[in-house]
Protein backbone atom coordinates (compact mmCIF):
# COMPACT_ATOMS: atom_id res chain seq x y z
CA MET A 1 -0.05 -0.04 0.23
CA SER A 2 1.73 3.25 -0.69
CA GLY A 3 1.77 6.56 0.97
CA GLY A 4 -0.94 8.30 -1.03
CA ALA A 5 -3.46 5.52 -0.77
CA THR A 6 -6.55 5.89 1.68
CA GLY A 7 -6.78 4.89 4.96
CA PRO A 8 -9.26 2.11 5.89
CA ALA A 9 -13.03 2.67 5.74
CA GLY A 10 -14.16 5.24 7.82
CA ALA A 11 -11.30 7.71 7.11
CA GLY A 12 -10.40 9.87 4.13
CA PRO A 13 -7.42 10.17 2.51
CA ASP A 14 -5.76 12.28 4.76
CA GLY A 15 -6.91 9.74 7.56
CA ARG A 16 -9.10 11.92 9.20
CA VAL A 17 -12.11 9.91 10.67
CA ALA A 18 -15.82 10.19 9.28
CA PRO A 19 -18.79 9.94 11.46
CA VAL A 20 -20.21 6.99 12.28
CA GLU A 21 -23.87 5.71 10.60
CA GLY A 22 -26.81 4.79 12.67
CA ILE A 23 -25.77 6.90 15.75
CA GLY A 24 -27.99 10.36 16.20
CA ASP A 25 -31.35 10.11 18.63
CA ASP A 26 -31.88 9.33 21.76
CA THR A 27 -33.94 5.67 20.86
CA VAL A 28 -32.80 1.76 22.21
CA ALA A 29 -32.33 1.52 18.42
CA SER A 30 -29.84 4.35 18.56
CA PHE A 31 -28.10 3.29 21.70
CA HIS A 32 -27.77 -0.25 20.28
CA ALA A 33 -26.01 1.01 16.65
CA GLN A 34 -23.29 3.11 19.12
CA VAL A 35 -22.03 0.47 21.90
CA ALA A 36 -22.10 -2.50 18.71
CA GLN A 37 -19.77 0.30 16.78
CA ALA A 38 -17.80 0.41 20.03
CA ALA A 39 -17.54 -3.34 20.12
CA ARG A 40 -16.42 -3.11 16.58
CA ASP A 41 -13.70 -0.17 17.14
CA ARG A 42 -12.63 -2.54 19.95
CA ALA A 43 -11.84 -5.49 17.83
CA GLY A 44 -9.90 -3.25 15.56
CA SER A 45 -7.86 -1.93 18.56
CA TRP A 46 -6.71 -5.62 19.08
CA ASP A 47 -6.50 -6.93 15.83
CA VAL A 48 -3.65 -3.99 15.74
CA VAL A 49 -2.18 -5.54 19.28
CA ALA A 50 -2.30 -8.74 18.04
CA GLU A 51 0.09 -7.48 14.62
CA ILE A 52 2.57 -5.38 16.66
CA LEU A 53 3.11 -8.66 18.96
CA ASP A 54 3.38 -11.11 16.23
CA GLY A 55 7.01 -11.83 14.53
CA PRO A 56 7.94 -7.99 11.83
CA ASP A 57 7.29 -8.74 8.44
CA ALA A 58 7.48 -6.63 5.47
CA SER A 59 3.35 -5.94 5.39
CA LEU A 60 3.56 -4.40 8.63
CA ALA A 61 6.55 -2.02 7.72
CA GLU A 62 4.67 -1.24 5.07
CA ARG A 63 1.54 -0.48 7.37
CA LEU A 64 3.91 1.58 9.64
CA ARG A 65 5.28 3.67 6.60
CA SER A 66 2.32 4.09 4.45
CA GLY A 67 0.52 5.44 7.59
CA GLU A 68 -2.28 2.74 7.84
CA LEU A 69 -1.37 1.48 10.85
CA ALA A 70 -1.95 4.57 12.95
CA THR A 71 -5.27 5.57 10.91
CA ARG A 72 -6.69 2.01 12.04
CA LEU A 73 -5.77 2.90 15.69
CA ARG A 74 -7.07 6.34 15.41
CA LEU A 75 -10.38 4.97 13.90
CA ALA A 76 -10.65 1.72 16.48
CA ALA A 77 -10.03 4.51 19.41
CA ARG A 78 -12.82 7.37 17.95
CA TRP A 79 -15.34 5.52 20.52
CA LEU A 80 -13.54 6.69 24.04
CA GLY A 81 -14.25 10.59 22.55
CA GLY A 82 -11.50 12.85 24.36
CA ASP A 83 -10.46 9.84 26.48
CA ALA A 84 -8.47 9.02 23.09
CA GLU A 85 -5.94 11.22 24.09
CA ILE A 86 -4.01 8.47 25.76
CA PHE A 87 -3.05 7.45 22.16
CA ALA A 88 -2.10 10.85 20.86
CA GLY A 89 2.24 11.19 21.16
CA ASP A 90 2.12 7.42 20.45
CA LEU A 91 0.53 7.84 17.21
CA MET A 92 1.87 11.16 16.21
CA ARG A 93 5.27 9.55 16.32
CA LEU A 94 4.10 7.08 13.94
CA ASP A 95 2.49 10.02 11.91
CA VAL A 96 6.40 11.22 11.70
CA HIS A 97 7.97 7.55 10.90
CA ALA A 98 5.47 7.42 7.54
CA ARG A 99 6.28 10.92 6.81
CA GLY A 100 9.32 10.27 6.42
CA ALA A 101 9.24 7.12 4.69
CA ARG A 102 10.80 8.04 1.61
CA ARG A 103 13.85 8.31 2.92
CA ARG A 104 14.33 5.29 4.25
CA SER A 105 13.95 1.68 2.37
CA LEU A 106 11.66 -1.08 3.66
CA ASP A 107 14.31 -3.29 4.27
CA ALA A 108 15.87 -0.82 6.71
CA ASP A 109 12.83 -0.33 8.58
CA LEU A 110 12.25 -4.12 8.57
CA ALA A 111 15.10 -4.90 10.37
CA SER A 112 15.01 -2.63 12.66
CA LEU A 113 11.22 -4.02 13.85
CA ALA A 114 12.86 -7.02 13.97
CA ALA A 115 15.85 -6.11 15.77
CA ASP A 116 13.74 -4.89 18.89
CA HIS A 117 11.28 -8.17 18.90
CA HIS A 118 13.35 -9.99 21.29
CA LEU A 119 11.94 -7.75 23.95
CA LEU A 120 8.42 -9.45 23.81
CA GLY A 121 9.73 -12.36 25.46
CA ASP A 122 8.99 -16.34 24.90
CA ASP A 123 5.04 -15.29 25.68
CA VAL A 124 4.42 -13.97 22.16
CA PRO A 125 2.34 -17.18 21.00
CA GLY A 126 0.16 -16.88 23.16
CA LEU A 127 -0.59 -13.60 23.49
CA VAL A 128 -0.65 -13.19 19.99
CA ALA A 129 -3.74 -15.60 19.83
CA GLY A 130 -5.03 -13.97 23.46
CA ALA A 131 -5.41 -10.77 21.84
CA ARG A 132 -6.61 -12.59 18.32
CA GLN A 133 -9.37 -13.92 20.53
CA ILE A 134 -10.45 -10.85 22.42
CA ALA A 135 -10.67 -9.25 19.02
CA ALA A 136 -13.07 -11.93 18.06
CA ALA A 137 -15.49 -12.04 21.28
CA CYS A 138 -15.49 -8.24 20.20
CA HIS A 139 -17.53 -8.50 16.69
CA GLU A 140 -19.36 -11.56 18.33
CA GLU A 141 -20.76 -8.52 21.12
CA ALA A 142 -21.05 -6.04 18.01
CA ALA A 143 -23.41 -8.35 16.29
CA ALA A 144 -25.61 -8.94 19.29
CA TRP A 145 -26.08 -5.08 20.63
CA ALA A 146 -26.94 -4.96 16.24
CA ALA A 147 -29.43 -7.61 16.58
CA GLY A 148 -30.62 -6.19 19.81
CA ASP A 149 -29.91 -8.72 22.19
CA THR A 150 -28.79 -7.00 25.02
CA ALA A 151 -28.07 -9.88 27.26
CA GLY A 152 -25.91 -11.72 24.41
CA GLY A 153 -23.90 -7.94 24.35
CA ARG A 154 -23.08 -7.63 28.25
CA SER A 155 -22.55 -11.17 28.41
CA LEU A 156 -19.82 -10.98 25.48
CA ARG A 157 -18.02 -7.78 26.88
CA ALA A 158 -18.17 -10.01 30.11
CA ARG A 159 -15.98 -12.72 28.66
CA GLU A 160 -13.19 -10.29 26.49
CA GLN A 161 -12.74 -9.08 30.56
CA GLU A 162 -11.97 -12.76 31.76
CA LEU A 163 -9.92 -13.38 28.45
CA ILE A 164 -7.98 -10.44 28.87
CA ALA A 165 -7.48 -11.59 33.05
CA GLY A 166 -6.56 -15.15 31.88
CA ARG A 167 -4.91 -14.34 28.62
CA LEU A 168 -2.96 -11.37 28.42
CA LEU A 169 -2.30 -9.66 32.40
CA PRO A 170 0.06 -12.32 33.24
CA ALA A 171 2.75 -11.21 30.52
CA LEU A 172 1.69 -8.55 28.36
CA PRO A 173 2.46 -5.39 31.22
CA ASP A 174 6.32 -6.45 31.30
CA ALA A 175 6.39 -7.53 27.19
CA ALA A 176 4.82 -4.50 26.18
CA GLY A 177 6.83 -2.45 29.03
CA ARG A 178 10.47 -4.07 27.98
CA LEU A 179 9.23 -3.08 23.62
CA ALA A 180 8.57 0.89 24.91
CA ARG A 181 11.35 1.10 27.38
CA ASP A 182 13.98 -1.18 26.19
CA GLY A 183 13.48 -0.34 22.24
CA ALA A 184 16.27 1.00 20.24
CA SER A 185 13.95 2.82 17.81
CA VAL A 186 11.20 5.73 18.49
CA VAL A 187 8.86 3.62 15.84
CA THR A 188 8.98 -0.05 18.46
CA ARG A 189 9.07 1.93 21.76
CA ALA A 190 5.82 3.87 20.44
CA LEU A 191 3.81 0.75 19.43
CA GLY A 192 5.03 -1.24 23.37
CA SER A 193 3.63 2.35 24.17
CA LEU A 194 0.47 2.03 22.17
CA VAL A 195 0.00 -1.79 23.34
CA LEU A 196 0.27 -0.51 26.86
CA ALA A 197 -2.57 2.21 25.86
CA VAL A 198 -4.88 -0.44 24.48
CA LEU A 199 -4.40 -2.74 27.73
CA SER A 200 -5.20 0.51 29.71
CA VAL A 201 -8.47 1.45 27.96
CA GLU A 202 -9.22 -2.40 27.87
CA SER A 203 -8.90 -3.41 31.85
CA GLY A 204 -9.74 -0.37 33.52
CA ARG A 205 -6.20 -0.02 35.17
CA ASP A 206 -3.61 3.07 33.65
CA TYR A 207 -0.74 0.36 32.37
CA GLN A 208 0.78 3.10 30.64
CA ARG A 209 1.47 5.26 34.01
CA ALA A 210 1.79 1.58 36.35
CA VAL A 211 4.59 0.09 33.86
CA LEU A 212 6.51 3.12 32.84
CA ARG A 213 5.77 5.76 35.09
CA PRO A 214 5.60 3.58 38.55
CA ASP A 215 6.69 6.57 40.80
CA ALA A 216 4.70 9.26 38.83
């Protein structure tokens, strides 16, 4: 995907987020549409987390160079409103990386990503599988809300919390923290911090502060 291509559905060529359709009046149907869209957005966050944690390849390097990955995270955070500020600084770092892509080769960017991947440790396969499982549960939750199934939507949301606690919390904070603190490049440090931001939003605990600024 070239640097001038448009972003994912919902974003214009400049990466700006378009309004979400179906969210307007104060009706039950509108509420269901809003919660369903939030669940889809949250699934998008976990999809990106899985891509960051998985072994770096040319596809990930290209998505960073084109700005696509940053745009997807912005779309995924739109349901947070003003609280999406937790992502802002690191997304700006990814924007700078994308704007400078023409001055670097794809191979050089891929080598930089690969050089820091070991910082994630030995738990990567389980963490990737866990993030993908949570993303799938978010998509199921979205379908339930869209169908008006309030009980099903709430049950799936609770299931996501169980998966986060059981599959990710034992190892992900430390793994992402190592990437955010010790990565050799600005981009890998930003990616580690973004993983902590997603985990913070989804778990309700500020892991960026707990892991990166414990004395703050």
